[in-house]
């Protein structure tokens, strides 16, 4: 994702912790400048437009506070400013 989107930024929203798990709302924004190879539908060509990914991240930690598992659930990806 870093390679495909220029001026990429990440913001966090609501954070919830329960036991060994932490979940947080995440927004990733940037300009779609190069091919996006990590799309679930296959590689996507760039279009030069802004995009916002709205995700839920879920992390699991061990007894020593080390990250041992992470995942995400995409909620939506929309063009920026629209």
PDB file of N, CA and C in Angstrom:
ATOM      1  N   UNK A   1       0.820  -1.180   0.000  1.00  0.00           N
ATOM      2  CA  UNK A   1       0.000   0.000   0.000  1.00  0.00           C
ATOM      3  C   UNK A   1       0.875   1.259   0.000  1.00  0.00           C
ATOM      4  N   UNK A   2       1.983   1.222   0.705  1.00  0.00           N
ATOM      5  CA  UNK A   2       2.864   2.394   0.746  1.00  0.00           C
ATOM      6  C   UNK A   2       3.310   2.819  -0.642  1.00  0.00           C
ATOM      7  N   UNK A   3       3.625   1.837  -1.493  1.00  0.00           N
ATOM      8  CA  UNK A   3       4.142   2.144  -2.825  1.00  0.00           C
ATOM      9  C   UNK A   3       3.073   2.748  -3.730  1.00  0.00           C
ATOM     10  N   UNK A   4       1.826   2.367  -3.558  1.00  0.00           N
ATOM     11  CA  UNK A   4       0.760   2.778  -4.479  1.00  0.00           C
ATOM     12  C   UNK A   4       0.213   4.171  -4.199  1.00  0.00           C
ATOM     13  N   UNK A   5       0.300   4.626  -2.960  1.00  0.00           N
ATOM     14  CA  UNK A   5      -0.366   5.871  -2.581  1.00  0.00           C
ATOM     15  C   UNK A   5       0.626   6.914  -2.084  1.00  0.00           C
ATOM     16  N   UNK A   6       0.712   8.022  -2.819  1.00  0.00           N
ATOM     17  CA  UNK A   6       1.538   9.149  -2.390  1.00  0.00           C
ATOM     18  C   UNK A   6       0.851   9.868  -1.235  1.00  0.00           C
ATOM     19  N   UNK A   7       1.596  10.631  -0.512  1.00  0.00           N
ATOM     20  CA  UNK A   7       1.134  11.433   0.636  1.00  0.00           C
ATOM     21  C   UNK A   7       0.185  10.649   1.550  1.00  0.00           C
ATOM     22  N   UNK A   8       0.510   9.374   1.761  1.00  0.00           N
ATOM     23  CA  UNK A   8      -0.312   8.490   2.582  1.00  0.00           C
ATOM     24  C   UNK A   8      -0.279   8.934   4.037  1.00  0.00           C
ATOM     25  N   UNK A   9      -1.449   8.934   4.661  1.00  0.00           N
ATOM     26  CA  UNK A   9      -1.535   9.222   6.088  1.00  0.00           C
ATOM     27  C   UNK A   9      -2.464   8.211   6.737  1.00  0.00           C
ATOM     28  N   UNK A  10      -2.231   7.977   8.029  1.00  0.00           N
ATOM     29  CA  UNK A  10      -3.049   7.036   8.799  1.00  0.00           C
ATOM     30  C   UNK A  10      -3.568   7.764  10.030  1.00  0.00           C
ATOM     31  N   UNK A  11      -4.883   7.673  10.238  1.00  0.00           N
ATOM     32  CA  UNK A  11      -5.507   8.247  11.440  1.00  0.00           C
ATOM     33  C   UNK A  11      -6.237   7.133  12.179  1.00  0.00           C
ATOM     34  N   UNK A  12      -6.258   7.234  13.493  1.00  0.00           N
ATOM     35  CA  UNK A  12      -6.981   6.264  14.324  1.00  0.00           C
ATOM     36  C   UNK A  12      -8.172   6.958  14.967  1.00  0.00           C
ATOM     37  N   UNK A  13      -9.252   6.206  15.116  1.00  0.00           N
ATOM     38  CA  UNK A  13     -10.462   6.723  15.756  1.00  0.00           C
ATOM     39  C   UNK A  13     -10.698   5.999  17.062  1.00  0.00           C
ATOM     40  N   UNK A  14     -11.848   5.408  17.180  1.00  0.00           N
ATOM     41  CA  UNK A  14     -12.236   4.704  18.401  1.00  0.00           C
ATOM     42  C   UNK A  14     -11.307   3.519  18.631  1.00  0.00           C
ATOM     43  N   UNK A  15     -10.839   3.355  19.876  1.00  0.00           N
ATOM     44  CA  UNK A  15      -9.985   2.233  20.258  1.00  0.00           C
ATOM     45  C   UNK A  15     -10.676   1.494  21.405  1.00  0.00           C
ATOM     46  N   UNK A  16     -10.785   0.161  21.275  1.00  0.00           N
ATOM     47  CA  UNK A  16     -11.424  -0.666  22.294  1.00  0.00           C
ATOM     48  C   UNK A  16     -10.469  -1.791  22.666  1.00  0.00           C
ATOM     49  N   UNK A  17     -10.249  -1.982  23.970  1.00  0.00           N
ATOM     50  CA  UNK A  17      -9.387  -3.062  24.451  1.00  0.00           C
ATOM     51  C   UNK A  17     -10.204  -4.023  25.295  1.00  0.00           C
ATOM     52  N   UNK A  18      -9.956  -5.319  25.088  1.00  0.00           N
ATOM     53  CA  UNK A  18     -10.641  -6.364  25.844  1.00  0.00           C
ATOM     54  C   UNK A  18      -9.694  -7.544  25.975  1.00  0.00           C
ATOM     55  N   UNK A  19      -9.213  -7.823  27.184  1.00  0.00           N
ATOM     56  CA  UNK A  19      -8.290  -8.939  27.387  1.00  0.00           C
ATOM     57  C   UNK A  19      -7.022  -8.741  26.567  1.00  0.00           C
ATOM     58  N   UNK A  20      -6.687  -9.734  25.745  1.00  0.00           N
ATOM     59  CA  UNK A  20      -5.483  -9.686  24.909  1.00  0.00           C
ATOM     60  C   UNK A  20      -5.702  -8.949  23.585  1.00  0.00           C
ATOM     61  N   UNK A  21      -6.905  -8.461  23.352  1.00  0.00           N
ATOM     62  CA  UNK A  21      -7.250  -7.865  22.061  1.00  0.00           C
ATOM     63  C   UNK A  21      -7.398  -6.350  22.139  1.00  0.00           C
ATOM     64  N   UNK A  22      -7.089  -5.729  21.018  1.00  0.00           N
ATOM     65  CA  UNK A  22      -7.287  -4.293  20.851  1.00  0.00           C
ATOM     66  C   UNK A  22      -7.859  -4.100  19.450  1.00  0.00           C
ATOM     67  N   UNK A  23      -8.920  -3.335  19.358  1.00  0.00           N
ATOM     68  CA  UNK A  23      -9.520  -3.040  18.054  1.00  0.00           C
ATOM     69  C   UNK A  23      -9.567  -1.527  17.888  1.00  0.00           C
ATOM     70  N   UNK A  24      -9.358  -1.056  16.677  1.00  0.00           N
ATOM     71  CA  UNK A  24      -9.423   0.385  16.461  1.00  0.00           C
ATOM     72  C   UNK A  24      -9.920   0.702  15.057  1.00  0.00           C
ATOM     73  N   UNK A  25     -10.620   1.808  14.983  1.00  0.00           N
ATOM     74  CA  UNK A  25     -11.073   2.346  13.708  1.00  0.00           C
ATOM     75  C   UNK A  25      -9.873   3.038  13.070  1.00  0.00           C
ATOM     76  N   UNK A  26      -9.646   2.800  11.786  1.00  0.00           N
ATOM     77  CA  UNK A  26      -8.477   3.347  11.093  1.00  0.00           C
ATOM     78  C   UNK A  26      -8.889   3.915   9.745  1.00  0.00           C
ATOM     79  N   UNK A  27      -8.333   5.081   9.418  1.00  0.00           N
ATOM     80  CA  UNK A  27      -8.509   5.655   8.092  1.00  0.00           C
ATOM     81  C   UNK A  27      -7.140   5.786   7.448  1.00  0.00           C
ATOM     82  N   UNK A  28      -7.006   5.294   6.234  1.00  0.00           N
ATOM     83  CA  UNK A  28      -5.783   5.455   5.452  1.00  0.00           C
ATOM     84  C   UNK A  28      -6.157   6.295   4.237  1.00  0.00           C
ATOM     85  N   UNK A  29      -5.454   7.412   4.066  1.00  0.00           N
ATOM     86  CA  UNK A  29      -5.748   8.329   2.968  1.00  0.00           C
ATOM     87  C   UNK A  29      -4.506   8.559   2.135  1.00  0.00           C
ATOM     88  N   UNK A  30      -4.692   8.792   0.850  1.00  0.00           N
ATOM     89  CA  UNK A  30      -3.566   9.110  -0.018  1.00  0.00           C
ATOM     90  C   UNK A  30      -4.015   9.295  -1.456  1.00  0.00           C
ATOM     91  N   UNK A  31      -3.061   9.655  -2.285  1.00  0.00           N
ATOM     92  CA  UNK A  31      -3.316   9.835  -3.712  1.00  0.00           C
ATOM     93  C   UNK A  31      -2.886   8.566  -4.443  1.00  0.00           C
ATOM     94  N   UNK A  32      -3.785   8.011  -5.252  1.00  0.00           N
ATOM     95  CA  UNK A  32      -3.566   6.747  -5.950  1.00  0.00           C
ATOM     96  C   UNK A  32      -2.614   6.983  -7.124  1.00  0.00           C
ATOM     97  N   UNK A  33      -1.300   6.833  -6.874  1.00  0.00           N
ATOM     98  CA  UNK A  33      -0.265   7.230  -7.837  1.00  0.00           C
ATOM     99  C   UNK A  33       0.378   6.077  -8.608  1.00  0.00           C
ATOM    100  N   UNK A  34       0.390   4.876  -8.049  1.00  0.00           N
ATOM    101  CA  UNK A  34       1.020   3.724  -8.702  1.00  0.00           C
ATOM    102  C   UNK A  34       0.134   2.485  -8.549  1.00  0.00           C
ATOM    103  N   UNK A  35       0.403   1.459  -9.328  1.00  0.00           N
ATOM    104  CA  UNK A  35      -0.409   0.238  -9.297  1.00  0.00           C
ATOM    105  C   UNK A  35      -0.556  -0.283  -7.863  1.00  0.00           C
ATOM    106  N   UNK A  36      -1.780  -0.657  -7.520  1.00  0.00           N
ATOM    107  CA  UNK A  36      -2.081  -1.221  -6.205  1.00  0.00           C
ATOM    108  C   UNK A  36      -2.174  -2.730  -6.364  1.00  0.00           C
ATOM    109  N   UNK A  37      -1.168  -3.447  -5.901  1.00  0.00           N
ATOM    110  CA  UNK A  37      -1.082  -4.894  -6.119  1.00  0.00           C
ATOM    111  C   UNK A  37      -1.739  -5.716  -5.018  1.00  0.00           C
ATOM    112  N   UNK A  38      -2.167  -5.098  -3.915  1.00  0.00           N
ATOM    113  CA  UNK A  38      -2.730  -5.843  -2.791  1.00  0.00           C
ATOM    114  C   UNK A  38      -4.259  -5.848  -2.770  1.00  0.00           C
ATOM    115  N   UNK A  39      -4.872  -5.485  -3.856  1.00  0.00           N
ATOM    116  CA  UNK A  39      -6.323  -5.480  -3.936  1.00  0.00           C
ATOM    117  C   UNK A  39      -6.851  -6.917  -3.958  1.00  0.00           C
ATOM    118  N   UNK A  40      -7.973  -7.180  -3.272  1.00  0.00           N
ATOM    119  CA  UNK A  40      -8.554  -8.528  -3.308  1.00  0.00           C
ATOM    120  C   UNK A  40      -9.084  -8.928  -4.688  1.00  0.00           C
ATOM    121  N   UNK A  41      -9.249  -7.955  -5.595  1.00  0.00           N
ATOM    122  CA  UNK A  41      -9.740  -8.261  -6.942  1.00  0.00           C
ATOM    123  C   UNK A  41      -8.614  -8.289  -7.968  1.00  0.00           C
ATOM    124  N   UNK A  42      -7.370  -8.202  -7.515  1.00  0.00           N
ATOM    125  CA  UNK A  42      -6.226  -8.197  -8.418  1.00  0.00           C
ATOM    126  C   UNK A  42      -5.646  -6.802  -8.549  1.00  0.00           C
ATOM    127  N   UNK A  43      -4.536  -6.661  -9.267  1.00  0.00           N
ATOM    128  CA  UNK A  43      -3.876  -5.361  -9.401  1.00  0.00           C
ATOM    129  C   UNK A  43      -4.799  -4.305 -10.006  1.00  0.00           C
ATOM    130  N   UNK A  44      -4.723  -3.096  -9.458  1.00  0.00           N
ATOM    131  CA  UNK A  44      -5.525  -1.975  -9.956  1.00  0.00           C
ATOM    132  C   UNK A  44      -4.600  -0.881 -10.478  1.00  0.00           C
ATOM    133  N   UNK A  45      -4.895  -0.332 -11.662  1.00  0.00           N
ATOM    134  CA  UNK A  45      -4.057   0.751 -12.198  1.00  0.00           C
ATOM    135  C   UNK A  45      -4.348   2.059 -11.464  1.00  0.00           C
ATOM    136  N   UNK A  46      -3.352   2.924 -11.321  1.00  0.00           N
ATOM    137  CA  UNK A  46      -3.557   4.207 -10.630  1.00  0.00           C
ATOM    138  C   UNK A  46      -4.433   5.147 -11.442  1.00  0.00           C
ATOM    139  N   UNK A  47      -5.100   6.068 -10.736  1.00  0.00           N
ATOM    140  CA  UNK A  47      -5.923   7.063 -11.429  1.00  0.00           C
ATOM    141  C   UNK A  47      -5.577   8.496 -11.023  1.00  0.00           C
ATOM    142  N   UNK A  48      -4.607   8.666 -10.113  1.00  0.00           N
ATOM    143  CA  UNK A  48      -4.192   9.999  -9.699  1.00  0.00           C
ATOM    144  C   UNK A  48      -5.140  10.708  -8.752  1.00  0.00           C
ATOM    145  N   UNK A  49      -6.181  10.030  -8.297  1.00  0.00           N
ATOM    146  CA  UNK A  49      -7.173  10.652  -7.412  1.00  0.00           C
ATOM    147  C   UNK A  49      -6.925  10.262  -5.956  1.00  0.00           C
ATOM    148  N   UNK A  50      -7.482  11.060  -5.063  1.00  0.00           N
ATOM    149  CA  UNK A  50      -7.404  10.762  -3.636  1.00  0.00           C
ATOM    150  C   UNK A  50      -8.368   9.646  -3.270  1.00  0.00           C
ATOM    151  N   UNK A  51      -8.004   8.867  -2.258  1.00  0.00           N
ATOM    152  CA  UNK A  51      -8.858   7.781  -1.789  1.00  0.00           C
ATOM    153  C   UNK A  51      -8.743   7.683  -0.269  1.00  0.00           C
ATOM    154  N   UNK A  52      -9.826   7.220   0.368  1.00  0.00           N
ATOM    155  CA  UNK A  52      -9.848   7.007   1.812  1.00  0.00           C
ATOM    156  C   UNK A  52     -10.299   5.571   2.062  1.00  0.00           C
ATOM    157  N   UNK A  53      -9.477   4.806   2.787  1.00  0.00           N
ATOM    158  CA  UNK A  53      -9.852   3.468   3.223  1.00  0.00           C
ATOM    159  C   UNK A  53     -10.313   3.571   4.671  1.00  0.00           C
ATOM    160  N   UNK A  54     -11.480   3.042   4.978  1.00  0.00           N
ATOM    161  CA  UNK A  54     -12.025   3.033   6.333  1.00  0.00           C
ATOM    162  C   UNK A  54     -11.980   1.582   6.806  1.00  0.00           C
ATOM    163  N   UNK A  55     -11.157   1.300   7.809  1.00  0.00           N
ATOM    164  CA  UNK A  55     -10.907  -0.068   8.256  1.00  0.00           C
ATOM    165  C   UNK A  55     -11.162  -0.240   9.749  1.00  0.00           C
ATOM    166  N   UNK A  56     -11.331  -1.470  10.157  1.00  0.00           N
ATOM    167  CA  UNK A  56     -11.288  -1.855  11.564  1.00  0.00           C
ATOM    168  C   UNK A  56     -10.065  -2.757  11.710  1.00  0.00           C
ATOM    169  N   UNK A  57      -9.107  -2.353  12.533  1.00  0.00           N
ATOM    170  CA  UNK A  57      -7.927  -3.182  12.817  1.00  0.00           C
ATOM    171  C   UNK A  57      -8.151  -3.939  14.108  1.00  0.00           C
ATOM    172  N   UNK A  58      -7.710  -5.197  14.143  1.00  0.00           N
ATOM    173  CA  UNK A  58      -7.799  -6.020  15.352  1.00  0.00           C
ATOM    174  C   UNK A  58      -6.417  -6.593  15.628  1.00  0.00           C
ATOM    175  N   UNK A  59      -5.920  -6.373  16.847  1.00  0.00           N
ATOM    176  CA  UNK A  59      -4.599  -6.836  17.250  1.00  0.00           C
ATOM    177  C   UNK A  59      -4.726  -7.729  18.478  1.00  0.00           C
ATOM    178  N   UNK A  60      -3.837  -8.723  18.579  1.00  0.00           N
ATOM    179  CA  UNK A  60      -3.781  -9.576  19.774  1.00  0.00           C
ATOM    180  C   UNK A  60      -2.355  -9.546  20.307  1.00  0.00           C
ATOM    181  N   UNK A  61      -2.238  -9.435  21.636  1.00  0.00           N
ATOM    182  CA  UNK A  61      -0.944  -9.323  22.297  1.00  0.00           C
ATOM    183  C   UNK A  61      -0.722 -10.486  23.254  1.00  0.00           C
ATOM    184  N   UNK A  62       0.547 -10.846  23.471  1.00  0.00           N
ATOM    185  CA  UNK A  62       0.861 -11.901  24.440  1.00  0.00           C
ATOM    186  C   UNK A  62       1.002 -11.299  25.839  1.00  0.00           C
ATOM    187  N   UNK A  63       1.362 -12.140  26.817  1.00  0.00           N
ATOM    188  CA  UNK A  63       1.474 -11.709  28.224  1.00  0.00           C
ATOM    189  C   UNK A  63       2.501 -10.597  28.432  1.00  0.00           C
ATOM    190  N   UNK A  64       3.465 -10.499  27.524  1.00  0.00           N
ATOM    191  CA  UNK A  64       4.525  -9.497  27.658  1.00  0.00           C
ATOM    192  C   UNK A  64       4.242  -8.237  26.838  1.00  0.00           C
ATOM    193  N   UNK A  65       3.039  -8.170  26.252  1.00  0.00           N
ATOM    194  CA  UNK A  65       2.657  -6.991  25.488  1.00  0.00           C
ATOM    195  C   UNK A  65       3.159  -6.968  24.060  1.00  0.00           C
ATOM    196  N   UNK A  66       3.652  -8.121  23.587  1.00  0.00           N
ATOM    197  CA  UNK A  66       4.150  -8.194  22.205  1.00  0.00           C
ATOM    198  C   UNK A  66       3.006  -8.544  21.260  1.00  0.00           C
ATOM    199  N   UNK A  67       3.001  -7.899  20.114  1.00  0.00           N
ATOM    200  CA  UNK A  67       1.995  -8.170  19.096  1.00  0.00           C
ATOM    201  C   UNK A  67       2.215  -9.569  18.533  1.00  0.00           C
ATOM    202  N   UNK A  68       1.186 -10.416  18.578  1.00  0.00           N
ATOM    203  CA  UNK A  68       1.328 -11.782  18.058  1.00  0.00           C
ATOM    204  C   UNK A  68       0.354 -12.085  16.916  1.00  0.00           C
ATOM    205  N   UNK A  69      -0.609 -11.203  16.709  1.00  0.00           N
ATOM    206  CA  UNK A  69      -1.566 -11.425  15.621  1.00  0.00           C
ATOM    207  C   UNK A  69      -2.189 -10.084  15.258  1.00  0.00           C
ATOM    208  N   UNK A  70      -2.397  -9.873  13.970  1.00  0.00           N
ATOM    209  CA  UNK A  70      -3.119  -8.670  13.556  1.00  0.00           C
ATOM    210  C   UNK A  70      -3.971  -8.984  12.338  1.00  0.00           C
ATOM    211  N   UNK A  71      -4.987  -8.216  12.190  1.00  0.00           N
ATOM    212  CA  UNK A  71      -5.878  -8.395  11.053  1.00  0.00           C
ATOM    213  C   UNK A  71      -6.672  -7.128  10.842  1.00  0.00           C
ATOM    214  N   UNK A  72      -7.432  -7.110   9.769  1.00  0.00           N
ATOM    215  CA  UNK A  72      -8.258  -5.942   9.495  1.00  0.00           C
ATOM    216  C   UNK A  72      -9.512  -6.371   8.762  1.00  0.00           C
ATOM    217  N   UNK A  73     -10.503  -5.527   8.864  1.00  0.00           N
ATOM    218  CA  UNK A  73     -11.747  -5.713   8.129  1.00  0.00           C
ATOM    219  C   UNK A  73     -12.029  -4.408   7.403  1.00  0.00           C
ATOM    220  N   UNK A  74     -11.978  -4.406   6.071  1.00  0.00           N
ATOM    221  CA  UNK A  74     -12.294  -3.173   5.358  1.00  0.00           C
ATOM    222  C   UNK A  74     -13.774  -2.872   5.491  1.00  0.00           C
ATOM    223  N   UNK A  75     -14.091  -1.638   5.787  1.00  0.00           N
ATOM    224  CA  UNK A  75     -15.501  -1.259   5.848  1.00  0.00           C
ATOM    225  C   UNK A  75     -15.906  -0.556   4.567  1.00  0.00           C
ATOM    226  N   UNK A  76     -15.006   0.297   4.021  1.00  0.00           N
ATOM    227  CA  UNK A  76     -15.314   0.981   2.762  1.00  0.00           C
ATOM    228  C   UNK A  76     -14.055   1.679   2.240  1.00  0.00           C
ATOM    229  N   UNK A  77     -13.978   1.837   0.945  1.00  0.00           N
ATOM    230  CA  UNK A  77     -12.943   2.664   0.311  1.00  0.00           C
ATOM    231  C   UNK A  77     -13.674   3.625  -0.613  1.00  0.00           C
ATOM    232  N   UNK A  78     -13.467   4.903  -0.400  1.00  0.00           N
ATOM    233  CA  UNK A  78     -14.196   5.905  -1.185  1.00  0.00           C
ATOM    234  C   UNK A  78     -13.227   6.940  -1.742  1.00  0.00           C
ATOM    235  N   UNK A  79     -13.601   7.583  -2.836  1.00  0.00           N
ATOM    236  CA  UNK A  79     -12.767   8.690  -3.321  1.00  0.00           C
ATOM    237  C   UNK A  79     -12.731   9.791  -2.273  1.00  0.00           C
ATOM    238  N   UNK A  80     -11.591  10.425  -2.116  1.00  0.00           N
ATOM    239  CA  UNK A  80     -11.489  11.547  -1.188  1.00  0.00           C
ATOM    240  C   UNK A  80     -12.361  12.695  -1.688  1.00  0.00           C
ATOM    241  N   UNK A  81     -12.919  13.444  -0.778  1.00  0.00           N
ATOM    242  CA  UNK A  81     -13.790  14.596  -1.108  1.00  0.00           C
ATOM    243  C   UNK A  81     -14.993  14.195  -1.931  1.00  0.00           C
ATOM    244  N   UNK A  82     -15.556  13.042  -1.624  1.00  0.00           N
ATOM    245  CA  UNK A  82     -16.738  12.670  -2.401  1.00  0.00           C
ATOM    246  C   UNK A  82     -17.111  11.306  -2.107  1.00  0.00           C
TER     247      UNK A  82
END
